[in-house]
Amino acid sequence: MERKDFLAASALGTVALGTGCLPASEDETISDQVRNPGRKILIAGGGFRTTFIRYMASLTGKERPRICYLPTASADGDSGKVRFFQNCAELDVIPFVQDSFIASYSTRRSWEDIFLSMDGIVVSGGNTLNQQAIWRAQGIDEVLRKAWDQGTVLGGASAGSLCWFEEGTTDSRPIELTKVECLGFLRGSHSPHYDAEEQRRPTYHRLISDGTLKPGFACDNDAGIYFEDNEVARVVRTREDANCYYVDRVGGEIVETVLDAEMIA
């Protein structure tokens, strides 16, 4: 499918690829189905570094946007924070880091005060299952939805891309890749690291084929998708051979459609 045809189909409220589609959930209200192009999410399969942060900053529409790094999935690990500041060093942004492992004595602002003051939020990779549990326990999940509704650009790679979907594949449990349920801002499922980890593609195919997962989007490392509300607005990459895909089950067979991606720098 040509990119223009893909985007045209998306504008009608479905992502039509091959003979499959991603319809609105049956339990959505009419108001839920009204498109809100102010809701923005930028994901990558892996490698959400300077180029992706630069693109996120441009999506905010601000001259010097406030970009926050949320490293819950990596247990607020220091190495990821250092890399984030390094990735932001050449950009005209104001970088912040917000830990989730906090104490009342040292954190004097509410989650709403912190996250709703940001123009962009980059979520780290790591353990998606633990990330989701902590966010729900802290109420961060609800605040992130408010941020999304108000136009804050959300994004990330790996756990930072998976977290926005209804569900997807995770390595957060022992032994094998399994299904994880996430925030559900974006409908359908997701698989990151599609070209970088040997088990990602066959596991994603199997779980969609047997009905464990809904159809959805897979991203190679260094490739990503920008969503406005639940519609694909642009497919991007920072490496020529990196791709994004829509994966569906059609007539009992898996159909994997490559999405036309543009290089960004």
Protein backbone atom coordinates (compact mmCIF):
# COMPACT_ATOMS: atom_id res chain seq x y z
CA MET A 1 0.00 0.00 0.00
CA GLU A 2 1.27 3.49 -0.88
CA ARG A 3 1.86 5.88 2.01
CA LYS A 4 -0.80 8.30 0.75
CA ASP A 5 -3.38 5.51 0.62
CA PHE A 6 -2.40 4.30 4.08
CA LEU A 7 -2.79 7.78 5.57
CA ALA A 8 -6.06 8.35 3.74
CA ALA A 9 -7.46 5.14 5.20
CA SER A 10 -6.21 6.16 8.62
CA ALA A 11 -8.01 9.50 8.35
CA LEU A 12 -11.30 7.63 8.03
CA GLY A 13 -10.85 6.13 11.47
CA THR A 14 -9.32 2.77 10.62
CA VAL A 15 -5.84 1.66 9.74
CA ALA A 16 -6.52 -0.43 6.67
CA LEU A 17 -3.65 -2.62 5.60
CA GLY A 18 -3.98 -5.44 3.09
CA THR A 19 -7.40 -6.84 3.83
CA GLY A 20 -7.30 -6.25 7.58
CA CYS A 21 -8.08 -3.20 9.67
CA LEU A 22 -7.81 -1.82 13.20
CA PRO A 23 -11.34 -0.75 14.18
CA ALA A 24 -12.42 1.25 17.18
CA SER A 25 -13.01 -0.83 20.29
CA GLU A 26 -16.60 -1.99 20.72
CA ASP A 27 -16.89 -0.55 24.21
CA GLU A 28 -15.85 2.98 23.20
CA THR A 29 -18.41 5.74 23.59
CA ILE A 30 -19.15 8.11 20.71
CA SER A 31 -17.16 10.84 22.44
CA ASP A 32 -14.15 8.49 22.70
CA GLN A 33 -14.24 7.99 18.94
CA VAL A 34 -14.11 11.71 18.09
CA ARG A 35 -10.64 12.38 16.74
CA ASN A 36 -8.41 14.59 18.86
CA PRO A 37 -5.34 15.40 16.74
CA GLY A 38 -3.88 17.26 19.72
CA ARG A 39 -3.07 13.90 21.32
CA LYS A 40 0.44 12.99 20.19
CA ILE A 41 2.58 9.89 20.73
CA LEU A 42 5.95 9.18 19.07
CA ILE A 43 7.30 5.65 19.44
CA ALA A 44 10.37 3.75 18.27
CA GLY A 45 11.20 0.06 18.39
CA GLY A 46 14.52 0.89 20.02
CA GLY A 47 17.00 3.75 19.95
CA PHE A 48 15.04 6.81 21.11
CA ARG A 49 18.12 8.99 21.01
CA THR A 50 18.95 12.54 19.86
CA THR A 51 17.19 12.38 16.49
CA PHE A 52 13.93 11.11 17.95
CA ILE A 53 14.07 13.60 20.83
CA ARG A 54 14.66 16.39 18.29
CA TYR A 55 11.61 15.23 16.34
CA MET A 56 9.55 15.05 19.54
CA ALA A 57 10.62 18.59 20.40
CA SER A 58 9.44 19.81 16.98
CA LEU A 59 6.05 18.17 17.54
CA THR A 60 5.49 20.25 20.68
CA GLY A 61 5.41 23.47 18.65
CA LYS A 62 7.46 25.19 21.35
CA GLU A 63 10.68 27.12 20.74
CA ARG A 64 12.45 25.57 23.75
CA PRO A 65 10.26 22.75 25.01
CA ARG A 66 10.44 21.13 28.42
CA ILE A 67 11.24 17.44 27.86
CA CYS A 68 10.99 15.04 30.80
CA TYR A 69 12.60 11.59 31.03
CA LEU A 70 10.60 9.05 33.04
CA PRO A 71 12.81 6.02 33.82
CA THR A 72 10.37 3.89 35.86
CA ALA A 73 10.93 0.77 33.73
CA SER A 74 14.67 0.91 34.35
CA ALA A 75 14.15 1.36 38.13
CA ASP A 76 15.31 4.99 37.83
CA GLY A 77 18.75 3.76 36.78
CA ASP A 78 21.46 6.40 36.59
CA SER A 79 22.98 5.27 33.29
CA GLY A 80 19.77 5.98 31.38
CA LYS A 81 19.53 9.45 32.92
CA VAL A 82 23.08 10.27 31.88
CA ARG A 83 22.39 9.10 28.31
CA PHE A 84 19.22 11.21 28.19
CA PHE A 85 21.10 14.38 29.13
CA GLN A 86 23.82 13.50 26.63
CA ASN A 87 21.19 13.00 23.90
CA CYS A 88 19.66 16.39 24.73
CA ALA A 89 22.97 18.27 24.90
CA GLU A 90 22.94 19.50 21.29
CA LEU A 91 19.20 20.26 21.27
CA ASP A 92 17.41 23.48 22.16
CA VAL A 93 15.31 21.85 24.88
CA ILE A 94 15.05 22.05 28.65
CA PRO A 95 15.66 18.47 29.88
CA PHE A 96 14.26 17.08 33.11
CA VAL A 97 14.33 13.68 34.81
CA GLN A 98 11.58 12.49 37.12
CA ASP A 99 12.12 9.42 39.29
CA SER A 100 9.23 7.21 40.36
CA PHE A 101 11.03 5.78 43.38
CA ILE A 102 10.54 8.86 45.55
CA ALA A 103 9.89 9.99 49.12
CA SER A 104 7.42 12.60 50.32
CA TYR A 105 10.18 14.51 52.09
CA SER A 106 12.16 15.11 48.90
CA THR A 107 9.35 15.36 46.33
CA ARG A 108 7.43 18.53 47.07
CA ARG A 109 5.29 18.70 43.91
CA SER A 110 2.43 16.42 42.85
CA TRP A 111 2.59 14.17 39.80
CA GLU A 112 0.09 16.54 38.15
CA ASP A 113 2.30 19.55 38.86
CA ILE A 114 5.31 17.77 37.42
CA PHE A 115 4.02 16.02 34.31
CA LEU A 116 1.36 18.52 33.25
CA SER A 117 4.04 21.22 33.14
CA MET A 118 5.99 19.32 30.47
CA ASP A 119 5.81 19.70 26.68
CA GLY A 120 7.17 16.20 26.03
CA ILE A 121 7.68 13.05 28.09
CA VAL A 122 10.18 10.34 27.07
CA VAL A 123 9.63 6.98 28.79
CA SER A 124 12.63 4.70 29.25
CA GLY A 125 13.07 1.11 28.24
CA GLY A 126 13.23 -1.66 30.81
CA ASN A 127 10.68 -3.86 32.55
CA THR A 128 7.22 -2.95 31.21
CA LEU A 129 5.32 -5.14 33.69
CA ASN A 130 6.94 -3.44 36.69
CA GLN A 131 6.54 -0.03 35.07
CA GLN A 132 2.79 -0.53 34.68
CA ALA A 133 2.39 -1.76 38.26
CA ILE A 134 4.27 1.21 39.70
CA TRP A 135 2.43 3.74 37.55
CA ARG A 136 -0.93 2.37 38.63
CA ALA A 137 0.06 2.26 42.29
CA GLN A 138 1.27 5.87 42.13
CA GLY A 139 -1.55 7.19 39.92
CA ILE A 140 0.98 8.18 37.26
CA ASP A 141 -1.07 6.35 34.61
CA GLU A 142 -3.99 8.74 35.14
CA VAL A 143 -1.75 11.79 35.02
CA LEU A 144 -0.14 10.62 31.79
CA ARG A 145 -3.60 10.37 30.23
CA LYS A 146 -4.30 13.95 31.32
CA ALA A 147 -0.97 15.00 29.78
CA TRP A 148 -1.88 13.22 26.52
CA ASP A 149 -5.30 14.88 26.49
CA GLN A 150 -3.80 18.34 26.99
CA GLY A 151 -1.33 17.95 24.11
CA THR A 152 1.90 16.89 25.81
CA VAL A 153 3.86 14.75 23.34
CA LEU A 154 4.42 11.28 24.82
CA GLY A 155 6.92 8.75 23.55
CA GLY A 156 9.80 6.37 23.97
CA ALA A 157 11.20 3.06 22.79
CA SER A 158 10.93 -0.53 24.02
CA ALA A 159 9.00 -0.32 27.31
CA GLY A 160 8.63 3.34 26.39
CA SER A 161 6.75 2.46 23.20
CA LEU A 162 4.89 -0.62 24.41
CA CYS A 163 3.38 1.18 27.41
CA TRP A 164 0.99 3.32 25.32
CA PHE A 165 -0.81 0.41 23.62
CA GLU A 166 -3.53 -1.88 24.89
CA GLU A 167 -1.15 -4.84 24.93
CA GLY A 168 1.98 -6.34 23.44
CA THR A 169 4.94 -8.65 23.90
CA THR A 170 7.28 -8.23 26.84
CA ASP A 171 10.42 -9.83 28.23
CA SER A 172 9.43 -8.71 31.74
CA ARG A 173 8.77 -12.24 33.04
CA PRO A 174 11.09 -15.27 33.36
CA ILE A 175 11.78 -17.78 30.58
CA GLU A 176 9.96 -16.38 27.52
CA LEU A 177 8.25 -13.43 25.85
CA THR A 178 4.68 -13.04 27.07
CA LYS A 179 1.67 -10.77 26.77
CA VAL A 180 1.49 -7.60 28.86
CA GLU A 181 -1.49 -5.26 29.21
CA CYS A 182 -0.68 -1.57 29.15
CA LEU A 183 -2.31 1.88 29.23
CA GLY A 184 -4.47 1.53 26.12
CA PHE A 185 -4.04 5.07 24.82
CA LEU A 186 -3.27 3.50 21.43
CA ARG A 187 -5.58 0.72 20.26
CA GLY A 188 -4.26 -2.72 19.40
CA SER A 189 -0.94 -4.36 20.17
CA HIS A 190 2.75 -3.60 19.74
CA SER A 191 6.10 -5.34 19.42
CA PRO A 192 9.35 -3.35 19.79
CA HIS A 193 12.87 -4.57 18.82
CA TYR A 194 11.37 -6.38 15.84
CA ASP A 195 14.67 -6.82 14.00
CA ALA A 196 17.01 -6.83 16.98
CA GLU A 197 15.79 -9.76 19.08
CA GLU A 198 15.39 -13.17 17.47
CA GLN A 199 12.16 -14.18 19.21
CA ARG A 200 10.22 -10.94 18.70
CA ARG A 201 8.82 -11.57 15.21
CA PRO A 202 7.81 -15.26 15.57
CA THR A 203 6.31 -14.67 19.01
CA TYR A 204 4.31 -11.67 17.82
CA HIS A 205 3.03 -13.66 14.83
CA ARG A 206 2.07 -16.61 17.03
CA LEU A 207 0.23 -14.54 19.63
CA ILE A 208 -1.75 -12.65 16.99
CA SER A 209 -2.45 -15.86 15.08
CA ASP A 210 -3.90 -17.66 18.11
CA GLY A 211 -5.90 -14.62 19.25
CA THR A 212 -3.85 -13.90 22.37
CA LEU A 213 -2.96 -10.47 20.98
CA LYS A 214 -4.92 -8.07 18.83
CA PRO A 215 -3.42 -6.99 15.49
CA GLY A 216 -1.01 -4.13 15.80
CA PHE A 217 2.24 -2.38 15.02
CA ALA A 218 5.79 -3.72 15.14
CA CYS A 219 8.88 -1.51 14.96
CA ASP A 220 12.50 -2.31 14.23
CA ASN A 221 15.15 -0.53 16.26
CA ASP A 222 15.73 2.97 14.83
CA ALA A 223 12.26 3.07 13.25
CA GLY A 224 9.12 4.55 14.70
CA ILE A 225 5.59 5.85 14.26
CA TYR A 226 4.07 9.21 15.12
CA PHE A 227 0.41 8.93 16.11
CA GLU A 228 -2.08 11.77 16.28
CA ASP A 229 -4.78 10.38 18.54
CA ASN A 230 -5.07 6.80 17.21
CA GLU A 231 -4.15 7.60 13.64
CA VAL A 232 -0.77 7.10 12.02
CA ALA A 233 0.46 10.55 10.99
CA ARG A 234 4.01 9.64 9.94
CA VAL A 235 6.35 6.67 9.88
CA VAL A 236 10.02 7.56 10.43
CA ARG A 237 13.45 5.99 10.73
CA THR A 238 17.05 6.96 11.42
CA ARG A 239 18.56 3.91 9.63
CA GLU A 240 17.86 3.03 6.00
CA ASP A 241 17.06 -0.63 6.57
CA ALA A 242 14.86 -0.06 9.65
CA ASN A 243 11.11 -0.54 9.16
CA CYS A 244 7.73 -0.49 10.84
CA TYR A 245 4.94 -2.95 10.12
CA TYR A 246 1.25 -3.52 10.63
CA VAL A 247 0.65 -7.17 11.55
CA ASP A 248 -2.81 -8.72 11.21
CA ARG A 249 -4.47 -12.12 10.87
CA VAL A 250 -6.41 -12.45 7.63
CA GLY A 251 -8.17 -15.67 6.66
CA GLY A 252 -6.22 -17.57 9.29
CA GLU A 253 -2.87 -16.31 7.95
CA ILE A 254 -0.55 -13.64 9.30
CA VAL A 255 -0.24 -10.62 7.00
CA GLU A 256 2.71 -8.33 7.71
CA THR A 257 2.59 -5.01 5.85
CA VAL A 258 5.65 -2.75 5.67
CA LEU A 259 4.80 0.89 6.29
CA ASP A 260 6.46 3.49 4.10
CA ALA A 261 9.00 5.27 6.34
CA GLU A 262 10.80 8.59 5.92
CA MET A 263 14.35 9.30 7.10
CA ILE A 264 14.67 11.95 9.81
CA ALA A 265 17.84 13.63 11.01
